[in-house]
Amino acid sequence: MIKRNAIDRALPALIAALLIASGLLLWWHHRETERRTADLAGMGLLRAQQMLAVRVEAMFHEWEEDAIEESASIAEGISDEQMILRWKGLLRSHWPVISIRLADEFGNETSMYRTDTAFLLVRTQQGGPDSLPMAYTISERGMDTVPKPWGAFGRYDPRERIWFSKALENRREEPVWSERQFGDSVQRVLQVSHLIRSQSPEQPFRVLLLDIDLGRAPSMDARSPNLVRYGMLLINGDARVYASNPAAAEEPMAMVLARALPTWIERKFNKSIYLEEAGLAYAVQVSPVQLNGCQLYAAMCIEATEFEELTGSERRANLIAVVIVATLAALLILLAWRGRMRRRASGILALQARQLQDRLTKATGEREVLSREVHHRVKNNLQVVSSLLNLQASSLDDPHVRDEFLRGKRRIDTIALVHHRLYDQPDLRNINLDSFLRQLTESIAGMHDGLRSTVSIGVEANGLKCDQDTAIELGIIVCELVNNAFQHAFPHATGGHIDLTASRVEGDLYRLVVSNNGVPPANGARSGPGKLGLEIVEALAEQLDGSLHMRNEGHAAFEVLFRMRQTGTSAETDETQGTK
């Protein structure tokens, strides 16, 4: 009786303590949900910045390579006629490049500007107070024989320009970047200059300059990652906008960026900040873009409301969990004397847990067998479809239609091949990309008997592993790109080499590169009739939350950026890949 009275007196205090604990738990869960929302928004910003960093780095590197190539051709001593032809070709093929200039230490300058209908060749002799640039118009009919004064600069001396002095002071023997001064002009131009050293004491040193309008750069219009829509501005330290993507000009994202930039100028923050506009939450972060001689910044803005919606269910679940915990706590106090039954219930739960674990283990094994059977059946069914298409093609009289049937049959054969190679893998949850891609490319080479002995294939996947869904999409991408190389890159009997590499860029961002040393693709290779293969590759890359990029640097190189979660890699492998 005394013991029961003591329990009755202590019971209210215990219930009050549990209610207080439940309130603290509710507050803690609220804080954790807010932190998770911020983390999700930060991850969205990071993913968008990773994709942007790769594109921007490639964009600036391409213009630096253009400056180096033009400098090399001038250093070799090409004639003025050859130089004009090269400059016209560069201005036609590179829309962001709006002018090219070549100046020497005596103040002489030759420059070419692109207009809507023609090109202007401007020459300045002995730049100084009395020099006046003279312009020649170059049209389809030829070049003017009588120059006209060009008043864009008035009296002009290239040696007084920032780009000229920066090129002279640069010690890295690399192109150097500078900002073009326009006063109140809204034109957004950066300048990349490169010093051309003289080959002999009698020759003057020269500086080559490219004027780049970043607003015309195609990389700024690239698609955003599938899971986040972002607005991006490329700015300098004074928040002058040099380039932007279309989303940055749309309301209310444009208003958010306009509010965030003055704050950034004042505080130079490098972490995410959150602003509200039109009832929506936005996250903004500014990260540096380092160039040789010039510092730019990428201002990224994403809508954070969608991340709050992602954690809305967690908020509701947390509230329900706290209420349940408080109710159960009170009931547990009242039912404390039933400890024996609780222990018995715990034993039953433990037994059920072991039984559930056994069932899960058995189900996992059955799922592995079923997955292999599915791949085997898919392969067999695709082979049946391939045979039907082959029979149908043999009965067609139109060669073009028959070729289209056979091209479709080849794609079905490659998909069947991917499933066949997956069926041979020892572990479908952690597929070794080195083994899988090597077997796949060997099988593809076997389909091209005429080139099998003359074309070699190198595969390097750096020990990466992936799940079967990712392996199927990567396998189809590799089949399309390798088949494309066999069909178009090696028209001669000399053969060549196909190189395939897969590596991790950072985090969950990976890169697949398929290149060859054969005949490079022609301009417009990514669009037009008969280009379904590259459209398929681009669509599959988007399904992997990535993108397709094609480089033509004397040979074909196809780069696929994609994302995948890590599966079964050891800590040592992760550390090695991170070091690379």
Protein backbone atom coordinates (compact mmCIF):
# COMPACT_ATOMS: atom_id res chain seq x y z
CA MET A 1 0.00 0.00 0.00
CA ILE A 2 2.82 2.38 0.93
CA LYS A 3 4.65 1.48 -2.30
CA ARG A 4 1.53 2.14 -4.37
CA ASN A 5 1.00 5.52 -2.72
CA ALA A 6 4.57 6.50 -3.51
CA ILE A 7 3.97 5.60 -7.17
CA ASP A 8 0.75 7.64 -7.21
CA ARG A 9 2.56 10.71 -5.80
CA ALA A 10 5.45 10.39 -8.27
CA LEU A 11 3.22 9.76 -11.29
CA PRO A 12 2.23 13.44 -11.98
CA ALA A 13 5.86 14.54 -11.82
CA LEU A 14 6.88 11.79 -14.21
CA ILE A 15 4.10 12.72 -16.66
CA ALA A 16 5.10 16.42 -16.46
CA ALA A 17 8.72 15.47 -17.12
CA LEU A 18 7.71 13.43 -20.16
CA LEU A 19 5.56 16.27 -21.52
CA ILE A 20 8.48 18.69 -21.13
CA ALA A 21 10.74 16.19 -22.86
CA SER A 22 8.18 15.87 -25.67
CA GLY A 23 8.10 19.67 -26.08
CA LEU A 24 11.89 19.80 -26.26
CA LEU A 25 11.85 16.97 -28.76
CA LEU A 26 9.31 18.86 -30.89
CA TRP A 27 11.51 21.96 -30.83
CA TRP A 28 14.58 19.90 -31.71
CA HIS A 29 12.81 18.21 -34.60
CA HIS A 30 11.68 21.61 -35.90
CA ARG A 31 15.26 22.87 -35.83
CA GLU A 32 16.49 19.72 -37.55
CA THR A 33 13.86 20.07 -40.30
CA GLU A 34 14.87 23.69 -40.89
CA ARG A 35 18.52 22.61 -41.08
CA ARG A 36 17.64 19.83 -43.50
CA THR A 37 15.76 22.28 -45.72
CA ALA A 38 18.82 24.53 -45.75
CA ASP A 39 21.05 21.53 -46.52
CA LEU A 40 18.82 20.48 -49.42
CA ALA A 41 18.90 24.01 -50.85
CA GLY A 42 22.68 24.07 -50.44
CA MET A 43 22.94 20.74 -52.25
CA GLY A 44 20.80 22.13 -55.07
CA LEU A 45 23.12 25.13 -55.36
CA LEU A 46 26.21 22.89 -55.27
CA ARG A 47 24.90 20.62 -58.01
CA ALA A 48 24.06 23.55 -60.26
CA GLN A 49 27.48 25.12 -59.58
CA GLN A 50 29.28 21.88 -60.41
CA MET A 51 27.61 21.67 -63.81
CA LEU A 52 28.23 25.38 -64.44
CA ALA A 53 31.90 25.18 -63.40
CA VAL A 54 32.62 22.48 -65.99
CA ARG A 55 30.91 24.48 -68.76
CA VAL A 56 32.48 27.84 -67.86
CA GLU A 57 35.97 26.35 -67.53
CA ALA A 58 35.67 24.73 -70.96
CA MET A 59 34.31 27.99 -72.43
CA PHE A 60 37.20 30.17 -71.23
CA HIS A 61 39.76 27.47 -72.09
CA GLU A 62 38.48 27.37 -75.68
CA TRP A 63 39.03 31.12 -76.13
CA GLU A 64 42.51 30.89 -74.58
CA GLU A 65 43.35 28.12 -77.05
CA ASP A 66 42.10 30.34 -79.91
CA ALA A 67 44.45 33.13 -78.77
CA ILE A 68 47.39 30.71 -78.51
CA GLU A 69 46.72 29.24 -81.96
CA GLU A 70 46.47 32.66 -83.61
CA SER A 71 49.66 33.80 -81.83
CA ALA A 72 51.50 30.71 -83.04
CA SER A 73 50.45 31.28 -86.65
CA ILE A 74 51.60 34.93 -86.48
CA ALA A 75 54.93 33.95 -84.88
CA GLU A 76 55.53 31.57 -87.79
CA GLY A 77 55.46 34.56 -90.15
CA ILE A 78 52.23 34.21 -92.14
CA SER A 79 51.39 36.90 -94.68
CA ASP A 80 48.81 39.64 -94.15
CA GLU A 81 46.46 37.95 -96.64
CA GLN A 82 46.69 34.63 -94.76
CA MET A 83 46.17 36.40 -91.44
CA ILE A 84 43.02 38.17 -92.73
CA LEU A 85 41.61 34.86 -93.98
CA ARG A 86 42.27 33.19 -90.61
CA TRP A 87 40.66 36.07 -88.70
CA LYS A 88 37.56 36.03 -90.92
CA GLY A 89 37.16 32.31 -90.32
CA LEU A 90 37.57 32.72 -86.56
CA LEU A 91 35.02 35.56 -86.37
CA ARG A 92 32.50 33.59 -88.46
CA SER A 93 32.79 30.36 -86.44
CA HIS A 94 33.07 31.92 -82.95
CA TRP A 95 30.09 34.24 -82.45
CA PRO A 96 31.19 35.52 -78.99
CA VAL A 97 34.48 36.83 -80.50
CA ILE A 98 33.56 40.31 -81.79
CA SER A 99 37.04 41.59 -82.78
CA ILE A 100 40.71 40.58 -83.10
CA ARG A 101 43.66 42.94 -82.73
CA LEU A 102 47.43 42.69 -83.23
CA ALA A 103 49.61 45.55 -81.84
CA ASP A 104 53.38 45.97 -81.52
CA GLU A 105 55.72 47.93 -79.28
CA PHE A 106 55.87 50.88 -81.76
CA GLY A 107 52.12 51.56 -81.51
CA ASN A 108 51.16 49.93 -84.83
CA GLU A 109 47.93 47.94 -84.74
CA THR A 110 45.93 45.82 -87.18
CA SER A 111 42.42 44.84 -86.09
CA MET A 112 39.32 43.22 -87.57
CA TYR A 113 35.72 43.84 -86.47
CA ARG A 114 32.59 41.98 -87.52
CA THR A 115 29.53 44.00 -88.62
CA ASP A 116 26.09 42.80 -89.72
CA THR A 117 26.99 42.77 -93.42
CA ALA A 118 30.80 42.81 -93.71
CA PHE A 119 34.12 42.95 -91.86
CA LEU A 120 36.17 46.05 -91.02
CA LEU A 121 39.97 45.94 -91.20
CA VAL A 122 41.37 48.85 -89.15
CA ARG A 123 45.05 49.88 -89.21
CA THR A 124 46.78 52.30 -86.87
CA GLN A 125 50.29 53.56 -87.75
CA GLN A 126 52.66 54.71 -84.97
CA GLY A 127 49.96 55.14 -82.33
CA GLY A 128 50.12 58.42 -80.46
CA PRO A 129 48.50 61.81 -80.12
CA ASP A 130 48.46 62.39 -83.89
CA SER A 131 47.52 58.88 -85.06
CA LEU A 132 44.07 58.16 -86.45
CA PRO A 133 42.85 54.60 -87.23
CA MET A 134 42.00 53.98 -90.90
CA ALA A 135 39.30 51.43 -91.79
CA TYR A 136 38.93 49.17 -94.84
CA THR A 137 35.59 47.46 -95.53
CA ILE A 138 35.88 43.76 -96.47
CA SER A 139 32.77 42.42 -98.19
CA GLU A 140 32.00 39.56 -100.58
CA ARG A 141 33.16 41.81 -103.46
CA GLY A 142 36.58 42.32 -101.90
CA MET A 143 38.35 44.96 -99.76
CA ASP A 144 38.23 48.75 -100.18
CA THR A 145 41.31 50.22 -101.84
CA VAL A 146 40.86 53.65 -100.22
CA PRO A 147 40.63 53.64 -96.41
CA LYS A 148 38.35 55.91 -94.40
CA PRO A 149 39.08 57.47 -91.01
CA TRP A 150 37.56 55.42 -88.24
CA GLY A 151 36.32 57.48 -85.33
CA ALA A 152 35.52 54.74 -82.85
CA PHE A 153 38.51 55.73 -80.72
CA GLY A 154 39.56 59.07 -82.16
CA ARG A 155 43.28 59.53 -81.54
CA TYR A 156 44.42 56.08 -80.48
CA ASP A 157 47.55 54.33 -79.12
CA PRO A 158 47.22 50.60 -78.30
CA ARG A 159 50.19 50.77 -75.90
CA GLU A 160 48.06 52.80 -73.48
CA ARG A 161 45.43 50.05 -73.17
CA ILE A 162 45.12 47.78 -70.14
CA TRP A 163 45.21 44.59 -72.21
CA PHE A 164 48.54 45.59 -73.78
CA SER A 165 50.23 46.31 -70.45
CA LYS A 166 48.80 43.17 -68.84
CA ALA A 167 50.21 41.00 -71.62
CA LEU A 168 53.66 42.56 -71.13
CA GLU A 169 53.57 42.10 -67.35
CA ASN A 170 52.31 38.52 -67.47
CA ARG A 171 55.04 36.08 -66.40
CA ARG A 172 53.13 32.83 -66.96
CA GLU A 173 53.56 32.75 -70.77
CA GLU A 174 49.80 32.20 -70.98
CA PRO A 175 46.88 34.29 -72.25
CA VAL A 176 45.85 36.96 -69.73
CA TRP A 177 42.32 38.31 -69.17
CA SER A 178 41.21 41.90 -68.58
CA GLU A 179 37.95 43.84 -68.44
CA ARG A 180 37.14 46.19 -71.31
CA GLN A 181 36.37 49.73 -70.20
CA PHE A 182 33.17 51.13 -71.75
CA GLY A 183 32.14 53.87 -69.33
CA ASP A 184 28.34 53.75 -69.06
CA SER A 185 27.97 51.27 -71.95
CA VAL A 186 25.91 48.14 -71.28
CA GLN A 187 28.01 45.98 -73.62
CA ARG A 188 29.54 43.06 -71.70
CA VAL A 189 33.04 42.35 -73.00
CA LEU A 190 36.14 40.62 -71.62
CA GLN A 191 39.51 40.71 -73.34
CA VAL A 192 42.08 37.92 -73.60
CA SER A 193 45.54 38.94 -74.79
CA HIS A 194 48.70 36.95 -75.49
CA LEU A 195 52.30 38.17 -75.87
CA ILE A 196 54.12 37.14 -79.07
CA ARG A 197 57.84 37.40 -78.42
CA SER A 198 60.10 38.45 -81.28
CA GLN A 199 62.23 35.82 -83.00
CA SER A 200 65.17 38.18 -83.45
CA PRO A 201 66.37 41.49 -81.94
CA GLU A 202 65.30 43.34 -85.10
CA GLN A 203 61.67 42.27 -84.79
CA PRO A 204 59.33 44.06 -82.34
CA PHE A 205 57.33 42.13 -79.78
CA ARG A 206 53.61 41.98 -80.46
CA VAL A 207 50.39 41.41 -78.50
CA LEU A 208 47.33 39.56 -79.86
CA LEU A 209 43.89 40.43 -78.42
CA LEU A 210 40.44 38.82 -78.67
CA ASP A 211 37.37 40.82 -77.57
CA ILE A 212 34.82 38.37 -76.09
CA ASP A 213 31.13 39.23 -75.61
CA LEU A 214 30.08 36.75 -72.91
CA GLY A 215 26.42 37.55 -73.53
CA ARG A 216 26.71 35.60 -76.79
CA ALA A 217 28.32 32.53 -75.24
CA PRO A 218 26.20 29.37 -75.87
CA SER A 219 27.30 27.77 -72.59
CA MET A 220 25.25 30.37 -70.71
CA ASP A 221 22.08 28.98 -72.35
CA ALA A 222 22.84 25.34 -71.42
CA ARG A 223 20.09 23.34 -69.78
CA SER A 224 19.97 23.29 -65.99
CA PRO A 225 20.10 20.01 -64.04
CA ASN A 226 16.80 18.12 -64.05
CA LEU A 227 16.04 18.54 -60.33
CA VAL A 228 16.64 22.26 -59.90
CA ARG A 229 15.91 25.40 -61.94
CA TYR A 230 18.52 28.11 -61.43
CA GLY A 231 19.22 31.69 -62.42
CA MET A 232 22.89 32.52 -63.02
CA LEU A 233 24.84 35.76 -63.45
CA LEU A 234 28.55 35.99 -64.34
CA ILE A 235 29.75 39.23 -62.70
CA ASN A 236 32.90 41.08 -61.70
CA GLY A 237 33.83 42.46 -58.28
CA ASP A 238 31.59 45.51 -58.81
CA ALA A 239 28.60 43.29 -59.69
CA ARG A 240 28.79 44.30 -63.37
CA VAL A 241 26.93 41.57 -65.29
CA TYR A 242 28.91 39.91 -68.10
CA ALA A 243 26.64 36.96 -68.87
CA SER A 244 23.42 35.36 -67.67
CA ASN A 245 21.11 32.49 -68.46
CA PRO A 246 17.46 33.10 -69.49
CA ALA A 247 16.03 32.21 -66.08
CA ALA A 248 17.98 35.07 -64.44
CA ALA A 249 15.90 37.60 -66.40
CA GLU A 250 12.53 36.20 -65.33
CA GLU A 251 10.49 37.52 -62.41
CA PRO A 252 10.74 37.09 -59.48
CA MET A 253 14.22 35.49 -59.72
CA ALA A 254 15.60 38.65 -61.34
CA MET A 255 14.34 40.71 -58.35
CA VAL A 256 16.02 38.31 -55.90
CA LEU A 257 19.37 38.62 -57.68
CA ALA A 258 19.02 42.41 -57.84
CA ARG A 259 18.50 42.47 -54.04
CA ALA A 260 21.28 39.99 -53.28
CA LEU A 261 24.08 41.66 -55.29
CA PRO A 262 24.25 44.90 -53.22
CA THR A 263 24.44 42.76 -50.08
CA TRP A 264 27.24 40.73 -51.63
CA ILE A 265 29.18 43.88 -52.61
CA GLU A 266 28.94 45.09 -49.02
CA ARG A 267 29.66 41.82 -47.20
CA LYS A 268 31.36 39.65 -49.88
CA PHE A 269 29.60 36.59 -48.44
CA ASN A 270 30.61 33.13 -49.67
CA LYS A 271 27.78 31.16 -48.03
CA SER A 272 24.18 30.77 -49.10
CA ILE A 273 21.75 33.53 -48.13
CA TYR A 274 17.96 33.22 -48.18
CA LEU A 275 15.52 35.85 -49.46
CA GLU A 276 11.78 35.93 -49.99
CA GLU A 277 10.09 37.41 -53.05
CA ALA A 278 6.44 37.16 -54.11
CA GLY A 279 5.73 34.71 -51.29
CA LEU A 280 8.48 32.31 -52.35
CA ALA A 281 11.82 31.48 -50.70
CA TYR A 282 15.09 31.67 -52.68
CA ALA A 283 18.69 30.69 -51.96
CA VAL A 284 21.57 32.75 -53.43
CA GLN A 285 25.30 31.99 -53.42
CA VAL A 286 28.22 33.73 -55.11
CA SER A 287 31.34 31.70 -55.92
CA PRO A 288 34.63 32.88 -57.51
CA VAL A 289 35.66 32.11 -61.10
CA GLN A 290 39.45 32.58 -61.26
CA LEU A 291 41.04 33.63 -64.55
CA ASN A 292 44.64 34.57 -65.25
CA GLY A 293 44.70 38.32 -64.60
CA CYS A 294 41.00 38.71 -63.88
CA GLN A 295 38.61 37.67 -61.09
CA LEU A 296 34.97 36.93 -61.94
CA TYR A 297 32.14 35.57 -59.82
CA ALA A 298 29.16 33.31 -60.53
CA ALA A 299 25.98 34.39 -58.73
CA MET A 300 23.58 31.43 -58.49
CA CYS A 301 19.94 31.65 -57.41
CA ILE A 302 17.51 28.76 -56.92
CA GLU A 303 13.96 28.58 -55.58
CA ALA A 304 14.06 27.06 -52.08
CA THR A 305 10.29 26.64 -51.73
CA GLU A 306 10.42 23.28 -53.47
CA PHE A 307 12.91 22.06 -50.85
CA GLU A 308 10.55 23.17 -48.08
CA GLU A 309 7.85 21.10 -49.78
CA LEU A 310 10.21 18.11 -49.77
CA THR A 311 10.52 18.35 -45.99
CA GLY A 312 6.80 19.10 -45.41
CA SER A 313 6.01 15.44 -44.85
CA GLU A 314 8.88 15.26 -42.36
CA ARG A 315 7.41 18.18 -40.42
CA ARG A 316 4.05 16.47 -40.19
CA ALA A 317 5.62 13.14 -39.35
CA ASN A 318 7.74 14.74 -36.62
CA LEU A 319 4.68 16.35 -35.02
CA ILE A 320 2.74 13.09 -35.09
CA ALA A 321 5.75 11.22 -33.70
CA VAL A 322 6.08 13.65 -30.77
CA VAL A 323 2.36 13.32 -29.92
CA ILE A 324 2.62 9.55 -30.09
CA VAL A 325 5.75 9.55 -27.94
CA ALA A 326 4.07 11.71 -25.29
CA THR A 327 0.96 9.52 -25.23
CA LEU A 328 2.95 6.32 -25.09
CA ALA A 329 5.14 7.72 -22.34
CA ALA A 330 2.11 8.40 -20.13
CA LEU A 331 0.72 4.95 -20.85
CA LEU A 332 4.07 3.34 -20.12
CA ILE A 333 4.15 5.01 -16.68
CA LEU A 334 0.67 3.75 -15.88
CA LEU A 335 1.62 0.29 -17.13
CA ALA A 336 5.06 0.12 -15.50
CA TRP A 337 4.01 -2.79 -13.28
CA ARG A 338 3.45 -4.87 -16.44
CA GLY A 339 7.18 -5.13 -17.05
CA ARG A 340 7.05 -8.87 -17.42
CA MET A 341 4.59 -8.62 -20.27
CA ARG A 342 6.74 -5.95 -21.88
CA ARG A 343 9.77 -8.21 -21.72
CA ARG A 344 7.72 -11.04 -23.20
CA ALA A 345 6.55 -8.68 -25.95
CA SER A 346 10.17 -7.66 -26.53
CA GLY A 347 11.11 -11.31 -26.96
CA ILE A 348 8.30 -11.76 -29.45
CA LEU A 349 9.40 -8.67 -31.35
CA ALA A 350 12.99 -9.91 -31.43
CA LEU A 351 11.81 -13.24 -32.81
CA GLN A 352 9.71 -11.46 -35.42
CA ALA A 353 12.69 -9.29 -36.32
CA ARG A 354 14.86 -12.36 -36.87
CA GLN A 355 12.14 -13.96 -38.96
CA LEU A 356 11.77 -10.77 -40.97
CA GLN A 357 15.54 -10.66 -41.49
CA ASP A 358 15.50 -14.24 -42.74
CA ARG A 359 12.66 -13.44 -45.13
CA LEU A 360 14.51 -10.34 -46.38
CA THR A 361 17.67 -12.37 -46.98
CA LYS A 362 15.70 -14.97 -48.88
CA ALA A 363 13.85 -12.28 -50.87
CA THR A 364 17.16 -10.61 -51.77
CA GLY A 365 18.50 -13.86 -53.19
CA GLU A 366 15.29 -14.47 -55.11
CA ARG A 367 15.41 -10.92 -56.44
CA GLU A 368 18.97 -11.48 -57.70
CA VAL A 369 17.90 -14.64 -59.55
CA LEU A 370 14.80 -12.88 -60.88
CA SER A 371 16.85 -9.93 -62.13
CA ARG A 372 19.15 -12.27 -64.06
CA GLU A 373 16.15 -14.09 -65.49
CA VAL A 374 14.59 -10.77 -66.53
CA HIS A 375 17.79 -9.68 -68.33
CA HIS A 376 17.98 -13.09 -70.02
CA ARG A 377 14.35 -12.94 -71.16
CA VAL A 378 14.70 -9.33 -72.35
CA LYS A 379 17.76 -10.34 -74.36
CA ASN A 380 15.90 -13.30 -75.93
CA ASN A 381 12.83 -11.19 -76.75
CA LEU A 382 14.96 -8.46 -78.32
CA GLN A 383 16.71 -11.06 -80.45
CA VAL A 384 13.32 -12.27 -81.67
CA VAL A 385 12.36 -8.66 -82.56
CA SER A 386 15.74 -8.24 -84.30
CA SER A 387 15.13 -11.35 -86.39
CA LEU A 388 11.67 -10.10 -87.36
CA LEU A 389 13.10 -6.75 -88.43
CA ASN A 390 15.80 -8.51 -90.44
CA LEU A 391 13.17 -10.61 -92.25
CA GLN A 392 11.06 -7.50 -92.90
CA ALA A 393 14.09 -5.58 -94.22
CA SER A 394 14.97 -8.37 -96.66
CA SER A 395 11.54 -8.00 -98.29
CA LEU A 396 11.83 -4.23 -98.83
CA ASP A 397 12.78 -2.85 -102.24
CA ASP A 398 13.54 0.74 -101.20
CA PRO A 399 17.24 0.83 -100.10
CA HIS A 400 16.67 3.83 -97.83
CA VAL A 401 13.76 2.18 -96.00
CA ARG A 402 15.74 -1.08 -95.75
CA ASP A 403 18.71 0.79 -94.26
CA GLU A 404 16.42 2.38 -91.67
CA PHE A 405 15.05 -1.06 -90.72
CA LEU A 406 18.60 -2.43 -90.41
CA ARG A 407 19.68 0.61 -88.35
CA GLY A 408 16.78 -0.04 -85.98
CA LYS A 409 17.73 -3.74 -85.86
CA ARG A 410 21.32 -2.78 -84.91
CA ARG A 411 20.09 -0.65 -82.01
CA ILE A 412 17.91 -3.49 -80.77
CA ASP A 413 20.93 -5.82 -81.06
CA THR A 414 23.02 -3.46 -78.95
CA ILE A 415 20.33 -3.24 -76.26
CA ALA A 416 20.12 -7.04 -76.23
CA LEU A 417 23.91 -7.12 -75.94
CA VAL A 418 23.78 -4.82 -72.90
CA HIS A 419 21.29 -7.12 -71.15
CA HIS A 420 23.35 -10.18 -72.12
CA ARG A 421 26.50 -8.72 -70.56
CA LEU A 422 24.56 -7.72 -67.44
CA TYR A 423 23.36 -11.33 -67.14
CA ASP A 424 27.03 -12.42 -66.98
CA GLN A 425 27.91 -10.04 -64.12
CA PRO A 426 28.54 -11.75 -60.75
CA ASP A 427 26.88 -9.01 -58.65
CA LEU A 428 24.02 -6.98 -60.15
CA ARG A 429 23.96 -4.54 -57.21
CA ASN A 430 27.63 -3.54 -57.60
CA ILE A 431 28.54 -3.85 -61.29
CA ASN A 432 32.24 -3.45 -62.05
CA LEU A 433 32.31 -0.91 -64.90
CA ASP A 434 35.83 -1.94 -65.99
CA SER A 435 34.75 -5.53 -66.69
CA PHE A 436 31.29 -4.61 -68.01
CA LEU A 437 32.46 -1.93 -70.48
CA ARG A 438 35.42 -4.02 -71.65
CA GLN A 439 33.18 -7.01 -72.44
CA LEU A 440 30.66 -4.70 -74.09
CA THR A 441 33.20 -2.98 -76.38
CA GLU A 442 34.75 -6.33 -77.36
CA SER A 443 31.31 -7.57 -78.41
CA ILE A 444 30.65 -4.34 -80.37
CA ALA A 445 33.99 -4.73 -82.16
CA GLY A 446 32.92 -8.25 -83.14
CA MET A 447 29.96 -6.76 -85.01
CA HIS A 448 32.36 -4.88 -87.31
CA ASP A 449 34.42 -7.67 -88.89
CA GLY A 450 36.04 -5.39 -91.45
CA LEU A 451 37.57 -3.12 -88.79
CA ARG A 452 37.96 -5.53 -85.86
CA SER A 453 41.65 -6.24 -86.55
CA THR A 454 42.63 -2.64 -87.38
CA VAL A 455 40.79 -0.67 -84.70
CA SER A 456 41.92 -1.05 -81.08
CA ILE A 457 39.83 -0.12 -78.05
CA GLY A 458 41.09 1.03 -74.64
CA VAL A 459 38.84 1.01 -71.57
CA GLU A 460 39.65 2.60 -68.19
CA ALA A 461 36.87 2.96 -65.59
CA ASN A 462 39.09 3.62 -62.54
CA GLY A 463 37.47 0.86 -60.48
CA LEU A 464 34.01 2.48 -60.55
CA LYS A 465 30.94 0.44 -59.63
CA CYS A 466 27.28 1.16 -60.28
CA ASP A 467 23.80 -0.35 -60.04
CA GLN A 468 22.17 -2.20 -62.92
CA ASP A 469 19.84 0.67 -63.93
CA THR A 470 22.78 3.04 -64.40
CA ALA A 471 24.77 0.28 -66.14
CA ILE A 472 21.97 -0.24 -68.72
CA GLU A 473 21.86 3.47 -69.66
CA LEU A 474 25.67 3.79 -69.71
CA GLY A 475 25.88 0.59 -71.78
CA ILE A 476 23.47 1.93 -74.42
CA ILE A 477 25.39 5.25 -74.50
CA VAL A 478 28.70 3.42 -75.02
CA CYS A 479 27.17 1.19 -77.73
CA GLU A 480 25.86 4.23 -79.64
CA LEU A 481 29.16 6.17 -79.43
CA VAL A 482 31.46 3.21 -80.21
CA ASN A 483 29.23 2.06 -83.13
CA ASN A 484 29.25 5.67 -84.35
CA ALA A 485 33.06 5.65 -84.30
CA PHE A 486 33.27 2.34 -86.20
CA GLN A 487 30.82 3.58 -88.84
CA HIS A 488 32.10 7.13 -89.43
CA ALA A 489 35.58 7.70 -87.93
CA PHE A 490 37.57 5.04 -89.83
CA PRO A 491 36.66 5.15 -93.53
CA HIS A 492 40.16 3.99 -94.56
CA ALA A 493 41.87 0.63 -94.12
CA THR A 494 44.52 2.06 -91.79
CA GLY A 495 42.18 1.72 -88.79
CA GLY A 496 42.80 3.59 -85.55
CA HIS A 497 42.10 3.62 -81.82
CA ILE A 498 39.02 4.23 -79.67
CA ASP A 499 39.59 5.36 -76.08
CA LEU A 500 36.88 5.05 -73.39
CA THR A 501 37.39 6.44 -69.89
CA ALA A 502 35.06 6.81 -66.90
CA SER A 503 36.04 8.80 -63.81
CA ARG A 504 34.58 10.72 -60.94
CA VAL A 505 34.67 14.54 -61.12
CA GLU A 506 33.55 15.26 -57.56
CA GLY A 507 30.80 14.13 -55.23
CA ASP A 508 28.22 12.17 -57.21
CA LEU A 509 29.21 13.83 -60.53
CA TYR A 510 30.99 11.51 -62.98
CA ARG A 511 32.42 11.85 -66.48
CA LEU A 512 32.37 9.34 -69.39
CA VAL A 513 34.58 10.23 -72.39
CA VAL A 514 34.56 8.28 -75.69
CA SER A 515 37.18 9.57 -78.14
CA ASN A 516 38.95 8.31 -81.25
CA ASN A 517 41.80 9.36 -83.51
CA GLY A 518 39.82 8.88 -86.70
CA VAL A 519 38.17 11.37 -89.05
CA PRO A 520 36.62 14.22 -86.99
CA PRO A 521 32.88 14.85 -87.34
CA ALA A 522 31.71 17.63 -89.62
CA ASN A 523 30.06 20.81 -88.37
CA GLY A 524 26.47 20.23 -87.28
CA ALA A 525 27.14 16.59 -86.37
CA ARG A 526 24.75 16.78 -83.42
CA SER A 527 21.67 17.64 -85.48
CA GLY A 528 20.10 16.87 -88.84
CA PRO A 529 18.94 13.72 -90.65
CA GLY A 530 20.43 10.43 -89.49
CA LYS A 531 21.56 11.80 -86.12
CA LEU A 532 19.17 9.78 -83.98
CA GLY A 533 22.12 8.08 -82.24
CA LEU A 534 23.40 11.32 -80.68
CA GLU A 535 19.84 12.33 -79.77
CA ILE A 536 19.49 9.00 -77.94
CA VAL A 537 22.79 9.61 -76.13
CA GLU A 538 21.70 13.12 -75.12
CA ALA A 539 18.32 11.84 -73.86
CA LEU A 540 19.99 9.06 -71.83
CA ALA A 541 22.48 11.57 -70.37
CA GLU A 542 19.57 13.73 -69.19
CA GLN A 543 17.97 10.66 -67.58
CA LEU A 544 21.21 10.30 -65.60
CA ASP A 545 20.82 13.94 -64.48
CA GLY A 546 23.67 15.00 -66.76
CA SER A 547 24.46 16.31 -70.23
CA LEU A 548 26.30 15.50 -73.48
CA HIS A 549 29.19 17.62 -74.80
CA MET A 550 31.05 17.13 -78.10
CA ARG A 551 34.56 18.45 -78.70
CA ASN A 552 36.24 18.59 -82.11
CA GLU A 553 39.96 19.21 -81.58
CA GLY A 554 41.29 17.39 -84.64
CA HIS A 555 39.47 14.26 -83.55
CA ALA A 556 36.07 13.34 -82.13
CA ALA A 557 35.60 13.37 -78.34
CA PHE A 558 32.18 12.86 -76.74
CA GLU A 559 31.91 13.75 -73.04
CA VAL A 560 28.92 12.65 -70.94
CA LEU A 561 28.56 14.19 -67.49
CA PHE A 562 26.22 12.17 -65.29
CA ARG A 563 25.34 11.47 -61.70
CA MET A 564 25.04 8.22 -59.81
CA ARG A 565 25.09 7.16 -56.20
CA GLN A 566 28.15 5.27 -54.95
CA THR A 567 27.65 1.52 -54.52
CA GLY A 568 29.94 -0.83 -52.72
CA THR A 569 33.21 1.04 -53.26
CA SER A 570 35.87 0.67 -50.62
CA ALA A 571 37.22 3.59 -48.66
CA GLU A 572 40.58 3.09 -50.30
CA THR A 573 39.06 3.32 -53.79
CA ASP A 574 37.10 6.47 -52.86
CA GLU A 575 40.23 8.06 -51.45
CA THR A 576 42.22 7.19 -54.58
CA GLN A 577 39.54 8.62 -56.87
CA GLY A 578 39.24 11.73 -54.78
CA THR A 579 43.00 12.26 -55.09
CA LYS A 580 42.82 11.95 -58.83
